[in-house]
Amino acid sequence: SVDIAQGVDAAGNKDEGAGDQGIM
Protein backbone atom coordinates (compact mmCIF):
# COMPACT_ATOMS: atom_id res chain seq x y z
CA SER A 1 0.00 0.00 0.00
CA VAL A 2 1.29 3.47 -0.88
CA ASP A 3 -0.35 4.78 2.30
CA ILE A 4 1.79 2.48 4.43
CA ALA A 5 4.87 3.21 2.34
CA GLN A 6 4.67 6.98 2.86
CA GLY A 7 4.60 6.52 6.62
CA VAL A 8 7.60 4.20 6.70
CA ASP A 9 9.87 5.74 4.05
CA ALA A 10 12.38 8.48 4.79
CA ALA A 11 11.61 11.77 3.00
CA GLY A 12 13.14 15.24 3.35
CA ASN A 13 13.88 15.76 7.05
CA LYS A 14 11.77 12.76 8.04
CA ASP A 15 13.61 9.60 9.09
CA GLU A 16 12.23 6.15 8.41
CA GLY A 17 9.25 5.43 10.61
CA ALA A 18 8.08 2.22 12.23
CA GLY A 19 6.13 -0.05 9.91
CA ASP A 20 3.28 -0.26 12.43
CA GLN A 21 2.37 0.65 15.97
CA GLY A 22 2.94 -1.90 18.70
CA ILE A 23 4.71 -3.04 21.83
CA MET A 24 7.65 -5.44 21.84
PDBML (XML) file of the C-alpha atoms, coordinates in Angstrom:
<?xml version="1.0" encoding="UTF-8" ?>
<PDBx:datablock datablockName="MODEL"
   xmlns:PDBx="http://pdbml.pdb.org/schema/pdbx-v50.xsd"
   xmlns:xsi="http://www.w3.org/2001/XMLSchema-instance"
   xsi:schemaLocation="http://pdbml.pdb.org/schema/pdbx-v50.xsd pdbx-v50.xsd">
   <PDBx:atom_siteCategory>
      <PDBx:atom_site id="1">
         <PDBx:B_iso_or_equiv>0.00</PDBx:B_iso_or_equiv>
         <PDBx:Cartn_x>0.000</PDBx:Cartn_x>
         <PDBx:Cartn_y>0.000</PDBx:Cartn_y>
         <PDBx:Cartn_z>0.000</PDBx:Cartn_z>
         <PDBx:auth_asym_id>A</PDBx:auth_asym_id>
         <PDBx:auth_atom_id>CA</PDBx:auth_atom_id>
         <PDBx:auth_comp_id>SER</PDBx:auth_comp_id>
         <PDBx:auth_seq_id>1</PDBx:auth_seq_id>
         <PDBx:group_PDB>ATOM</PDBx:group_PDB>
         <PDBx:label_alt_id xsi:nil="true" />
         <PDBx:label_asym_id>A</PDBx:label_asym_id>
         <PDBx:label_atom_id>CA</PDBx:label_atom_id>
         <PDBx:label_comp_id>SER</PDBx:label_comp_id>
         <PDBx:label_entity_id>1</PDBx:label_entity_id>
         <PDBx:label_seq_id>1</PDBx:label_seq_id>
         <PDBx:occupancy>1.00</PDBx:occupancy>
         <PDBx:pdbx_PDB_model_num>1</PDBx:pdbx_PDB_model_num>
         <PDBx:type_symbol>C</PDBx:type_symbol>
      </PDBx:atom_site>
      <PDBx:atom_site id="2">
         <PDBx:B_iso_or_equiv>0.00</PDBx:B_iso_or_equiv>
         <PDBx:Cartn_x>1.286</PDBx:Cartn_x>
         <PDBx:Cartn_y>3.471</PDBx:Cartn_y>
         <PDBx:Cartn_z>-0.884</PDBx:Cartn_z>
         <PDBx:auth_asym_id>A</PDBx:auth_asym_id>
         <PDBx:auth_atom_id>CA</PDBx:auth_atom_id>
         <PDBx:auth_comp_id>VAL</PDBx:auth_comp_id>
         <PDBx:auth_seq_id>2</PDBx:auth_seq_id>
         <PDBx:group_PDB>ATOM</PDBx:group_PDB>
         <PDBx:label_alt_id xsi:nil="true" />
         <PDBx:label_asym_id>A</PDBx:label_asym_id>
         <PDBx:label_atom_id>CA</PDBx:label_atom_id>
         <PDBx:label_comp_id>VAL</PDBx:label_comp_id>
         <PDBx:label_entity_id>1</PDBx:label_entity_id>
         <PDBx:label_seq_id>2</PDBx:label_seq_id>
         <PDBx:occupancy>1.00</PDBx:occupancy>
         <PDBx:pdbx_PDB_model_num>1</PDBx:pdbx_PDB_model_num>
         <PDBx:type_symbol>C</PDBx:type_symbol>
      </PDBx:atom_site>
      <PDBx:atom_site id="3">
         <PDBx:B_iso_or_equiv>0.00</PDBx:B_iso_or_equiv>
         <PDBx:Cartn_x>-0.355</PDBx:Cartn_x>
         <PDBx:Cartn_y>4.783</PDBx:Cartn_y>
         <PDBx:Cartn_z>2.300</PDBx:Cartn_z>
         <PDBx:auth_asym_id>A</PDBx:auth_asym_id>
         <PDBx:auth_atom_id>CA</PDBx:auth_atom_id>
         <PDBx:auth_comp_id>ASP</PDBx:auth_comp_id>
         <PDBx:auth_seq_id>3</PDBx:auth_seq_id>
         <PDBx:group_PDB>ATOM</PDBx:group_PDB>
         <PDBx:label_alt_id xsi:nil="true" />
         <PDBx:label_asym_id>A</PDBx:label_asym_id>
         <PDBx:label_atom_id>CA</PDBx:label_atom_id>
         <PDBx:label_comp_id>ASP</PDBx:label_comp_id>
         <PDBx:label_entity_id>1</PDBx:label_entity_id>
         <PDBx:label_seq_id>3</PDBx:label_seq_id>
         <PDBx:occupancy>1.00</PDBx:occupancy>
         <PDBx:pdbx_PDB_model_num>1</PDBx:pdbx_PDB_model_num>
         <PDBx:type_symbol>C</PDBx:type_symbol>
      </PDBx:atom_site>
      <PDBx:atom_site id="4">
         <PDBx:B_iso_or_equiv>0.00</PDBx:B_iso_or_equiv>
         <PDBx:Cartn_x>1.786</PDBx:Cartn_x>
         <PDBx:Cartn_y>2.485</PDBx:Cartn_y>
         <PDBx:Cartn_z>4.430</PDBx:Cartn_z>
         <PDBx:auth_asym_id>A</PDBx:auth_asym_id>
         <PDBx:auth_atom_id>CA</PDBx:auth_atom_id>
         <PDBx:auth_comp_id>ILE</PDBx:auth_comp_id>
         <PDBx:auth_seq_id>4</PDBx:auth_seq_id>
         <PDBx:group_PDB>ATOM</PDBx:group_PDB>
         <PDBx:label_alt_id xsi:nil="true" />
         <PDBx:label_asym_id>A</PDBx:label_asym_id>
         <PDBx:label_atom_id>CA</PDBx:label_atom_id>
         <PDBx:label_comp_id>ILE</PDBx:label_comp_id>
         <PDBx:label_entity_id>1</PDBx:label_entity_id>
         <PDBx:label_seq_id>4</PDBx:label_seq_id>
         <PDBx:occupancy>1.00</PDBx:occupancy>
         <PDBx:pdbx_PDB_model_num>1</PDBx:pdbx_PDB_model_num>
         <PDBx:type_symbol>C</PDBx:type_symbol>
      </PDBx:atom_site>
      <PDBx:atom_site id="5">
         <PDBx:B_iso_or_equiv>0.00</PDBx:B_iso_or_equiv>
         <PDBx:Cartn_x>4.870</PDBx:Cartn_x>
         <PDBx:Cartn_y>3.207</PDBx:Cartn_y>
         <PDBx:Cartn_z>2.339</PDBx:Cartn_z>
         <PDBx:auth_asym_id>A</PDBx:auth_asym_id>
         <PDBx:auth_atom_id>CA</PDBx:auth_atom_id>
         <PDBx:auth_comp_id>ALA</PDBx:auth_comp_id>
         <PDBx:auth_seq_id>5</PDBx:auth_seq_id>
         <PDBx:group_PDB>ATOM</PDBx:group_PDB>
         <PDBx:label_alt_id xsi:nil="true" />
         <PDBx:label_asym_id>A</PDBx:label_asym_id>
         <PDBx:label_atom_id>CA</PDBx:label_atom_id>
         <PDBx:label_comp_id>ALA</PDBx:label_comp_id>
         <PDBx:label_entity_id>1</PDBx:label_entity_id>
         <PDBx:label_seq_id>5</PDBx:label_seq_id>
         <PDBx:occupancy>1.00</PDBx:occupancy>
         <PDBx:pdbx_PDB_model_num>1</PDBx:pdbx_PDB_model_num>
         <PDBx:type_symbol>C</PDBx:type_symbol>
      </PDBx:atom_site>
      <PDBx:atom_site id="6">
         <PDBx:B_iso_or_equiv>0.00</PDBx:B_iso_or_equiv>
         <PDBx:Cartn_x>4.670</PDBx:Cartn_x>
         <PDBx:Cartn_y>6.985</PDBx:Cartn_y>
         <PDBx:Cartn_z>2.858</PDBx:Cartn_z>
         <PDBx:auth_asym_id>A</PDBx:auth_asym_id>
         <PDBx:auth_atom_id>CA</PDBx:auth_atom_id>
         <PDBx:auth_comp_id>GLN</PDBx:auth_comp_id>
         <PDBx:auth_seq_id>6</PDBx:auth_seq_id>
         <PDBx:group_PDB>ATOM</PDBx:group_PDB>
         <PDBx:label_alt_id xsi:nil="true" />
         <PDBx:label_asym_id>A</PDBx:label_asym_id>
         <PDBx:label_atom_id>CA</PDBx:label_atom_id>
         <PDBx:label_comp_id>GLN</PDBx:label_comp_id>
         <PDBx:label_entity_id>1</PDBx:label_entity_id>
         <PDBx:label_seq_id>6</PDBx:label_seq_id>
         <PDBx:occupancy>1.00</PDBx:occupancy>
         <PDBx:pdbx_PDB_model_num>1</PDBx:pdbx_PDB_model_num>
         <PDBx:type_symbol>C</PDBx:type_symbol>
      </PDBx:atom_site>
      <PDBx:atom_site id="7">
         <PDBx:B_iso_or_equiv>0.00</PDBx:B_iso_or_equiv>
         <PDBx:Cartn_x>4.603</PDBx:Cartn_x>
         <PDBx:Cartn_y>6.518</PDBx:Cartn_y>
         <PDBx:Cartn_z>6.623</PDBx:Cartn_z>
         <PDBx:auth_asym_id>A</PDBx:auth_asym_id>
         <PDBx:auth_atom_id>CA</PDBx:auth_atom_id>
         <PDBx:auth_comp_id>GLY</PDBx:auth_comp_id>
         <PDBx:auth_seq_id>7</PDBx:auth_seq_id>
         <PDBx:group_PDB>ATOM</PDBx:group_PDB>
         <PDBx:label_alt_id xsi:nil="true" />
         <PDBx:label_asym_id>A</PDBx:label_asym_id>
         <PDBx:label_atom_id>CA</PDBx:label_atom_id>
         <PDBx:label_comp_id>GLY</PDBx:label_comp_id>
         <PDBx:label_entity_id>1</PDBx:label_entity_id>
         <PDBx:label_seq_id>7</PDBx:label_seq_id>
         <PDBx:occupancy>1.00</PDBx:occupancy>
         <PDBx:pdbx_PDB_model_num>1</PDBx:pdbx_PDB_model_num>
         <PDBx:type_symbol>C</PDBx:type_symbol>
      </PDBx:atom_site>
      <PDBx:atom_site id="8">
         <PDBx:B_iso_or_equiv>0.00</PDBx:B_iso_or_equiv>
         <PDBx:Cartn_x>7.601</PDBx:Cartn_x>
         <PDBx:Cartn_y>4.200</PDBx:Cartn_y>
         <PDBx:Cartn_z>6.700</PDBx:Cartn_z>
         <PDBx:auth_asym_id>A</PDBx:auth_asym_id>
         <PDBx:auth_atom_id>CA</PDBx:auth_atom_id>
         <PDBx:auth_comp_id>VAL</PDBx:auth_comp_id>
         <PDBx:auth_seq_id>8</PDBx:auth_seq_id>
         <PDBx:group_PDB>ATOM</PDBx:group_PDB>
         <PDBx:label_alt_id xsi:nil="true" />
         <PDBx:label_asym_id>A</PDBx:label_asym_id>
         <PDBx:label_atom_id>CA</PDBx:label_atom_id>
         <PDBx:label_comp_id>VAL</PDBx:label_comp_id>
         <PDBx:label_entity_id>1</PDBx:label_entity_id>
         <PDBx:label_seq_id>8</PDBx:label_seq_id>
         <PDBx:occupancy>1.00</PDBx:occupancy>
         <PDBx:pdbx_PDB_model_num>1</PDBx:pdbx_PDB_model_num>
         <PDBx:type_symbol>C</PDBx:type_symbol>
      </PDBx:atom_site>
      <PDBx:atom_site id="9">
         <PDBx:B_iso_or_equiv>0.00</PDBx:B_iso_or_equiv>
         <PDBx:Cartn_x>9.874</PDBx:Cartn_x>
         <PDBx:Cartn_y>5.739</PDBx:Cartn_y>
         <PDBx:Cartn_z>4.049</PDBx:Cartn_z>
         <PDBx:auth_asym_id>A</PDBx:auth_asym_id>
         <PDBx:auth_atom_id>CA</PDBx:auth_atom_id>
         <PDBx:auth_comp_id>ASP</PDBx:auth_comp_id>
         <PDBx:auth_seq_id>9</PDBx:auth_seq_id>
         <PDBx:group_PDB>ATOM</PDBx:group_PDB>
         <PDBx:label_alt_id xsi:nil="true" />
         <PDBx:label_asym_id>A</PDBx:label_asym_id>
         <PDBx:label_atom_id>CA</PDBx:label_atom_id>
         <PDBx:label_comp_id>ASP</PDBx:label_comp_id>
         <PDBx:label_entity_id>1</PDBx:label_entity_id>
         <PDBx:label_seq_id>9</PDBx:label_seq_id>
         <PDBx:occupancy>1.00</PDBx:occupancy>
         <PDBx:pdbx_PDB_model_num>1</PDBx:pdbx_PDB_model_num>
         <PDBx:type_symbol>C</PDBx:type_symbol>
      </PDBx:atom_site>
      <PDBx:atom_site id="10">
         <PDBx:B_iso_or_equiv>0.00</PDBx:B_iso_or_equiv>
         <PDBx:Cartn_x>12.381</PDBx:Cartn_x>
         <PDBx:Cartn_y>8.482</PDBx:Cartn_y>
         <PDBx:Cartn_z>4.794</PDBx:Cartn_z>
         <PDBx:auth_asym_id>A</PDBx:auth_asym_id>
         <PDBx:auth_atom_id>CA</PDBx:auth_atom_id>
         <PDBx:auth_comp_id>ALA</PDBx:auth_comp_id>
         <PDBx:auth_seq_id>10</PDBx:auth_seq_id>
         <PDBx:group_PDB>ATOM</PDBx:group_PDB>
         <PDBx:label_alt_id xsi:nil="true" />
         <PDBx:label_asym_id>A</PDBx:label_asym_id>
         <PDBx:label_atom_id>CA</PDBx:label_atom_id>
         <PDBx:label_comp_id>ALA</PDBx:label_comp_id>
         <PDBx:label_entity_id>1</PDBx:label_entity_id>
         <PDBx:label_seq_id>10</PDBx:label_seq_id>
         <PDBx:occupancy>1.00</PDBx:occupancy>
         <PDBx:pdbx_PDB_model_num>1</PDBx:pdbx_PDB_model_num>
         <PDBx:type_symbol>C</PDBx:type_symbol>
      </PDBx:atom_site>
      <PDBx:atom_site id="11">
         <PDBx:B_iso_or_equiv>0.00</PDBx:B_iso_or_equiv>
         <PDBx:Cartn_x>11.607</PDBx:Cartn_x>
         <PDBx:Cartn_y>11.768</PDBx:Cartn_y>
         <PDBx:Cartn_z>2.999</PDBx:Cartn_z>
         <PDBx:auth_asym_id>A</PDBx:auth_asym_id>
         <PDBx:auth_atom_id>CA</PDBx:auth_atom_id>
         <PDBx:auth_comp_id>ALA</PDBx:auth_comp_id>
         <PDBx:auth_seq_id>11</PDBx:auth_seq_id>
         <PDBx:group_PDB>ATOM</PDBx:group_PDB>
         <PDBx:label_alt_id xsi:nil="true" />
         <PDBx:label_asym_id>A</PDBx:label_asym_id>
         <PDBx:label_atom_id>CA</PDBx:label_atom_id>
         <PDBx:label_comp_id>ALA</PDBx:label_comp_id>
         <PDBx:label_entity_id>1</PDBx:label_entity_id>
         <PDBx:label_seq_id>11</PDBx:label_seq_id>
         <PDBx:occupancy>1.00</PDBx:occupancy>
         <PDBx:pdbx_PDB_model_num>1</PDBx:pdbx_PDB_model_num>
         <PDBx:type_symbol>C</PDBx:type_symbol>
      </PDBx:atom_site>
      <PDBx:atom_site id="12">
         <PDBx:B_iso_or_equiv>0.00</PDBx:B_iso_or_equiv>
         <PDBx:Cartn_x>13.143</PDBx:Cartn_x>
         <PDBx:Cartn_y>15.235</PDBx:Cartn_y>
         <PDBx:Cartn_z>3.352</PDBx:Cartn_z>
         <PDBx:auth_asym_id>A</PDBx:auth_asym_id>
         <PDBx:auth_atom_id>CA</PDBx:auth_atom_id>
         <PDBx:auth_comp_id>GLY</PDBx:auth_comp_id>
         <PDBx:auth_seq_id>12</PDBx:auth_seq_id>
         <PDBx:group_PDB>ATOM</PDBx:group_PDB>
         <PDBx:label_alt_id xsi:nil="true" />
         <PDBx:label_asym_id>A</PDBx:label_asym_id>
         <PDBx:label_atom_id>CA</PDBx:label_atom_id>
         <PDBx:label_comp_id>GLY</PDBx:label_comp_id>
         <PDBx:label_entity_id>1</PDBx:label_entity_id>
         <PDBx:label_seq_id>12</PDBx:label_seq_id>
         <PDBx:occupancy>1.00</PDBx:occupancy>
         <PDBx:pdbx_PDB_model_num>1</PDBx:pdbx_PDB_model_num>
         <PDBx:type_symbol>C</PDBx:type_symbol>
      </PDBx:atom_site>
      <PDBx:atom_site id="13">
         <PDBx:B_iso_or_equiv>0.00</PDBx:B_iso_or_equiv>
         <PDBx:Cartn_x>13.877</PDBx:Cartn_x>
         <PDBx:Cartn_y>15.762</PDBx:Cartn_y>
         <PDBx:Cartn_z>7.051</PDBx:Cartn_z>
         <PDBx:auth_asym_id>A</PDBx:auth_asym_id>
         <PDBx:auth_atom_id>CA</PDBx:auth_atom_id>
         <PDBx:auth_comp_id>ASN</PDBx:auth_comp_id>
         <PDBx:auth_seq_id>13</PDBx:auth_seq_id>
         <PDBx:group_PDB>ATOM</PDBx:group_PDB>
         <PDBx:label_alt_id xsi:nil="true" />
         <PDBx:label_asym_id>A</PDBx:label_asym_id>
         <PDBx:label_atom_id>CA</PDBx:label_atom_id>
         <PDBx:label_comp_id>ASN</PDBx:label_comp_id>
         <PDBx:label_entity_id>1</PDBx:label_entity_id>
         <PDBx:label_seq_id>13</PDBx:label_seq_id>
         <PDBx:occupancy>1.00</PDBx:occupancy>
         <PDBx:pdbx_PDB_model_num>1</PDBx:pdbx_PDB_model_num>
         <PDBx:type_symbol>C</PDBx:type_symbol>
      </PDBx:atom_site>
      <PDBx:atom_site id="14">
         <PDBx:B_iso_or_equiv>0.00</PDBx:B_iso_or_equiv>
         <PDBx:Cartn_x>11.768</PDBx:Cartn_x>
         <PDBx:Cartn_y>12.765</PDBx:Cartn_y>
         <PDBx:Cartn_z>8.043</PDBx:Cartn_z>
         <PDBx:auth_asym_id>A</PDBx:auth_asym_id>
         <PDBx:auth_atom_id>CA</PDBx:auth_atom_id>
         <PDBx:auth_comp_id>LYS</PDBx:auth_comp_id>
         <PDBx:auth_seq_id>14</PDBx:auth_seq_id>
         <PDBx:group_PDB>ATOM</PDBx:group_PDB>
         <PDBx:label_alt_id xsi:nil="true" />
         <PDBx:label_asym_id>A</PDBx:label_asym_id>
         <PDBx:label_atom_id>CA</PDBx:label_atom_id>
         <PDBx:label_comp_id>LYS</PDBx:label_comp_id>
         <PDBx:label_entity_id>1</PDBx:label_entity_id>
         <PDBx:label_seq_id>14</PDBx:label_seq_id>
         <PDBx:occupancy>1.00</PDBx:occupancy>
         <PDBx:pdbx_PDB_model_num>1</PDBx:pdbx_PDB_model_num>
         <PDBx:type_symbol>C</PDBx:type_symbol>
      </PDBx:atom_site>
      <PDBx:atom_site id="15">
         <PDBx:B_iso_or_equiv>0.00</PDBx:B_iso_or_equiv>
         <PDBx:Cartn_x>13.608</PDBx:Cartn_x>
         <PDBx:Cartn_y>9.604</PDBx:Cartn_y>
         <PDBx:Cartn_z>9.095</PDBx:Cartn_z>
         <PDBx:auth_asym_id>A</PDBx:auth_asym_id>
         <PDBx:auth_atom_id>CA</PDBx:auth_atom_id>
         <PDBx:auth_comp_id>ASP</PDBx:auth_comp_id>
         <PDBx:auth_seq_id>15</PDBx:auth_seq_id>
         <PDBx:group_PDB>ATOM</PDBx:group_PDB>
         <PDBx:label_alt_id xsi:nil="true" />
         <PDBx:label_asym_id>A</PDBx:label_asym_id>
         <PDBx:label_atom_id>CA</PDBx:label_atom_id>
         <PDBx:label_comp_id>ASP</PDBx:label_comp_id>
         <PDBx:label_entity_id>1</PDBx:label_entity_id>
         <PDBx:label_seq_id>15</PDBx:label_seq_id>
         <PDBx:occupancy>1.00</PDBx:occupancy>
         <PDBx:pdbx_PDB_model_num>1</PDBx:pdbx_PDB_model_num>
         <PDBx:type_symbol>C</PDBx:type_symbol>
      </PDBx:atom_site>
      <PDBx:atom_site id="16">
         <PDBx:B_iso_or_equiv>0.00</PDBx:B_iso_or_equiv>
         <PDBx:Cartn_x>12.230</PDBx:Cartn_x>
         <PDBx:Cartn_y>6.147</PDBx:Cartn_y>
         <PDBx:Cartn_z>8.412</PDBx:Cartn_z>
         <PDBx:auth_asym_id>A</PDBx:auth_asym_id>
         <PDBx:auth_atom_id>CA</PDBx:auth_atom_id>
         <PDBx:auth_comp_id>GLU</PDBx:auth_comp_id>
         <PDBx:auth_seq_id>16</PDBx:auth_seq_id>
         <PDBx:group_PDB>ATOM</PDBx:group_PDB>
         <PDBx:label_alt_id xsi:nil="true" />
         <PDBx:label_asym_id>A</PDBx:label_asym_id>
         <PDBx:label_atom_id>CA</PDBx:label_atom_id>
         <PDBx:label_comp_id>GLU</PDBx:label_comp_id>
         <PDBx:label_entity_id>1</PDBx:label_entity_id>
         <PDBx:label_seq_id>16</PDBx:label_seq_id>
         <PDBx:occupancy>1.00</PDBx:occupancy>
         <PDBx:pdbx_PDB_model_num>1</PDBx:pdbx_PDB_model_num>
         <PDBx:type_symbol>C</PDBx:type_symbol>
      </PDBx:atom_site>
      <PDBx:atom_site id="17">
         <PDBx:B_iso_or_equiv>0.00</PDBx:B_iso_or_equiv>
         <PDBx:Cartn_x>9.250</PDBx:Cartn_x>
         <PDBx:Cartn_y>5.433</PDBx:Cartn_y>
         <PDBx:Cartn_z>10.612</PDBx:Cartn_z>
         <PDBx:auth_asym_id>A</PDBx:auth_asym_id>
         <PDBx:auth_atom_id>CA</PDBx:auth_atom_id>
         <PDBx:auth_comp_id>GLY</PDBx:auth_comp_id>
         <PDBx:auth_seq_id>17</PDBx:auth_seq_id>
         <PDBx:group_PDB>ATOM</PDBx:group_PDB>
         <PDBx:label_alt_id xsi:nil="true" />
         <PDBx:label_asym_id>A</PDBx:label_asym_id>
         <PDBx:label_atom_id>CA</PDBx:label_atom_id>
         <PDBx:label_comp_id>GLY</PDBx:label_comp_id>
         <PDBx:label_entity_id>1</PDBx:label_entity_id>
         <PDBx:label_seq_id>17</PDBx:label_seq_id>
         <PDBx:occupancy>1.00</PDBx:occupancy>
         <PDBx:pdbx_PDB_model_num>1</PDBx:pdbx_PDB_model_num>
         <PDBx:type_symbol>C</PDBx:type_symbol>
      </PDBx:atom_site>
      <PDBx:atom_site id="18">
         <PDBx:B_iso_or_equiv>0.00</PDBx:B_iso_or_equiv>
         <PDBx:Cartn_x>8.080</PDBx:Cartn_x>
         <PDBx:Cartn_y>2.225</PDBx:Cartn_y>
         <PDBx:Cartn_z>12.226</PDBx:Cartn_z>
         <PDBx:auth_asym_id>A</PDBx:auth_asym_id>
         <PDBx:auth_atom_id>CA</PDBx:auth_atom_id>
         <PDBx:auth_comp_id>ALA</PDBx:auth_comp_id>
         <PDBx:auth_seq_id>18</PDBx:auth_seq_id>
         <PDBx:group_PDB>ATOM</PDBx:group_PDB>
         <PDBx:label_alt_id xsi:nil="true" />
         <PDBx:label_asym_id>A</PDBx:label_asym_id>
         <PDBx:label_atom_id>CA</PDBx:label_atom_id>
         <PDBx:label_comp_id>ALA</PDBx:label_comp_id>
         <PDBx:label_entity_id>1</PDBx:label_entity_id>
         <PDBx:label_seq_id>18</PDBx:label_seq_id>
         <PDBx:occupancy>1.00</PDBx:occupancy>
         <PDBx:pdbx_PDB_model_num>1</PDBx:pdbx_PDB_model_num>
         <PDBx:type_symbol>C</PDBx:type_symbol>
      </PDBx:atom_site>
      <PDBx:atom_site id="19">
         <PDBx:B_iso_or_equiv>0.00</PDBx:B_iso_or_equiv>
         <PDBx:Cartn_x>6.128</PDBx:Cartn_x>
         <PDBx:Cartn_y>-0.050</PDBx:Cartn_y>
         <PDBx:Cartn_z>9.912</PDBx:Cartn_z>
         <PDBx:auth_asym_id>A</PDBx:auth_asym_id>
         <PDBx:auth_atom_id>CA</PDBx:auth_atom_id>
         <PDBx:auth_comp_id>GLY</PDBx:auth_comp_id>
         <PDBx:auth_seq_id>19</PDBx:auth_seq_id>
         <PDBx:group_PDB>ATOM</PDBx:group_PDB>
         <PDBx:label_alt_id xsi:nil="true" />
         <PDBx:label_asym_id>A</PDBx:label_asym_id>
         <PDBx:label_atom_id>CA</PDBx:label_atom_id>
         <PDBx:label_comp_id>GLY</PDBx:label_comp_id>
         <PDBx:label_entity_id>1</PDBx:label_entity_id>
         <PDBx:label_seq_id>19</PDBx:label_seq_id>
         <PDBx:occupancy>1.00</PDBx:occupancy>
         <PDBx:pdbx_PDB_model_num>1</PDBx:pdbx_PDB_model_num>
         <PDBx:type_symbol>C</PDBx:type_symbol>
      </PDBx:atom_site>
      <PDBx:atom_site id="20">
         <PDBx:B_iso_or_equiv>0.00</PDBx:B_iso_or_equiv>
         <PDBx:Cartn_x>3.282</PDBx:Cartn_x>
         <PDBx:Cartn_y>-0.257</PDBx:Cartn_y>
         <PDBx:Cartn_z>12.426</PDBx:Cartn_z>
         <PDBx:auth_asym_id>A</PDBx:auth_asym_id>
         <PDBx:auth_atom_id>CA</PDBx:auth_atom_id>
         <PDBx:auth_comp_id>ASP</PDBx:auth_comp_id>
         <PDBx:auth_seq_id>20</PDBx:auth_seq_id>
         <PDBx:group_PDB>ATOM</PDBx:group_PDB>
         <PDBx:label_alt_id xsi:nil="true" />
         <PDBx:label_asym_id>A</PDBx:label_asym_id>
         <PDBx:label_atom_id>CA</PDBx:label_atom_id>
         <PDBx:label_comp_id>ASP</PDBx:label_comp_id>
         <PDBx:label_entity_id>1</PDBx:label_entity_id>
         <PDBx:label_seq_id>20</PDBx:label_seq_id>
         <PDBx:occupancy>1.00</PDBx:occupancy>
         <PDBx:pdbx_PDB_model_num>1</PDBx:pdbx_PDB_model_num>
         <PDBx:type_symbol>C</PDBx:type_symbol>
      </PDBx:atom_site>
      <PDBx:atom_site id="21">
         <PDBx:B_iso_or_equiv>0.00</PDBx:B_iso_or_equiv>
         <PDBx:Cartn_x>2.366</PDBx:Cartn_x>
         <PDBx:Cartn_y>0.650</PDBx:Cartn_y>
         <PDBx:Cartn_z>15.971</PDBx:Cartn_z>
         <PDBx:auth_asym_id>A</PDBx:auth_asym_id>
         <PDBx:auth_atom_id>CA</PDBx:auth_atom_id>
         <PDBx:auth_comp_id>GLN</PDBx:auth_comp_id>
         <PDBx:auth_seq_id>21</PDBx:auth_seq_id>
         <PDBx:group_PDB>ATOM</PDBx:group_PDB>
         <PDBx:label_alt_id xsi:nil="true" />
         <PDBx:label_asym_id>A</PDBx:label_asym_id>
         <PDBx:label_atom_id>CA</PDBx:label_atom_id>
         <PDBx:label_comp_id>GLN</PDBx:label_comp_id>
         <PDBx:label_entity_id>1</PDBx:label_entity_id>
         <PDBx:label_seq_id>21</PDBx:label_seq_id>
         <PDBx:occupancy>1.00</PDBx:occupancy>
         <PDBx:pdbx_PDB_model_num>1</PDBx:pdbx_PDB_model_num>
         <PDBx:type_symbol>C</PDBx:type_symbol>
      </PDBx:atom_site>
      <PDBx:atom_site id="22">
         <PDBx:B_iso_or_equiv>0.00</PDBx:B_iso_or_equiv>
         <PDBx:Cartn_x>2.943</PDBx:Cartn_x>
         <PDBx:Cartn_y>-1.898</PDBx:Cartn_y>
         <PDBx:Cartn_z>18.697</PDBx:Cartn_z>
         <PDBx:auth_asym_id>A</PDBx:auth_asym_id>
         <PDBx:auth_atom_id>CA</PDBx:auth_atom_id>
         <PDBx:auth_comp_id>GLY</PDBx:auth_comp_id>
         <PDBx:auth_seq_id>22</PDBx:auth_seq_id>
         <PDBx:group_PDB>ATOM</PDBx:group_PDB>
         <PDBx:label_alt_id xsi:nil="true" />
         <PDBx:label_asym_id>A</PDBx:label_asym_id>
         <PDBx:label_atom_id>CA</PDBx:label_atom_id>
         <PDBx:label_comp_id>GLY</PDBx:label_comp_id>
         <PDBx:label_entity_id>1</PDBx:label_entity_id>
         <PDBx:label_seq_id>22</PDBx:label_seq_id>
         <PDBx:occupancy>1.00</PDBx:occupancy>
         <PDBx:pdbx_PDB_model_num>1</PDBx:pdbx_PDB_model_num>
         <PDBx:type_symbol>C</PDBx:type_symbol>
      </PDBx:atom_site>
      <PDBx:atom_site id="23">
         <PDBx:B_iso_or_equiv>0.00</PDBx:B_iso_or_equiv>
         <PDBx:Cartn_x>4.705</PDBx:Cartn_x>
         <PDBx:Cartn_y>-3.041</PDBx:Cartn_y>
         <PDBx:Cartn_z>21.831</PDBx:Cartn_z>
         <PDBx:auth_asym_id>A</PDBx:auth_asym_id>
         <PDBx:auth_atom_id>CA</PDBx:auth_atom_id>
         <PDBx:auth_comp_id>ILE</PDBx:auth_comp_id>
         <PDBx:auth_seq_id>23</PDBx:auth_seq_id>
         <PDBx:group_PDB>ATOM</PDBx:group_PDB>
         <PDBx:label_alt_id xsi:nil="true" />
         <PDBx:label_asym_id>A</PDBx:label_asym_id>
         <PDBx:label_atom_id>CA</PDBx:label_atom_id>
         <PDBx:label_comp_id>ILE</PDBx:label_comp_id>
         <PDBx:label_entity_id>1</PDBx:label_entity_id>
         <PDBx:label_seq_id>23</PDBx:label_seq_id>
         <PDBx:occupancy>1.00</PDBx:occupancy>
         <PDBx:pdbx_PDB_model_num>1</PDBx:pdbx_PDB_model_num>
         <PDBx:type_symbol>C</PDBx:type_symbol>
      </PDBx:atom_site>
      <PDBx:atom_site id="24">
         <PDBx:B_iso_or_equiv>0.00</PDBx:B_iso_or_equiv>
         <PDBx:Cartn_x>7.648</PDBx:Cartn_x>
         <PDBx:Cartn_y>-5.441</PDBx:Cartn_y>
         <PDBx:Cartn_z>21.835</PDBx:Cartn_z>
         <PDBx:auth_asym_id>A</PDBx:auth_asym_id>
         <PDBx:auth_atom_id>CA</PDBx:auth_atom_id>
         <PDBx:auth_comp_id>MET</PDBx:auth_comp_id>
         <PDBx:auth_seq_id>24</PDBx:auth_seq_id>
         <PDBx:group_PDB>ATOM</PDBx:group_PDB>
         <PDBx:label_alt_id xsi:nil="true" />
         <PDBx:label_asym_id>A</PDBx:label_asym_id>
         <PDBx:label_atom_id>CA</PDBx:label_atom_id>
         <PDBx:label_comp_id>MET</PDBx:label_comp_id>
         <PDBx:label_entity_id>1</PDBx:label_entity_id>
         <PDBx:label_seq_id>24</PDBx:label_seq_id>
         <PDBx:occupancy>1.00</PDBx:occupancy>
         <PDBx:pdbx_PDB_model_num>1</PDBx:pdbx_PDB_model_num>
         <PDBx:type_symbol>C</PDBx:type_symbol>
      </PDBx:atom_site>
   </PDBx:atom_siteCategory>
</PDBx:datablock>
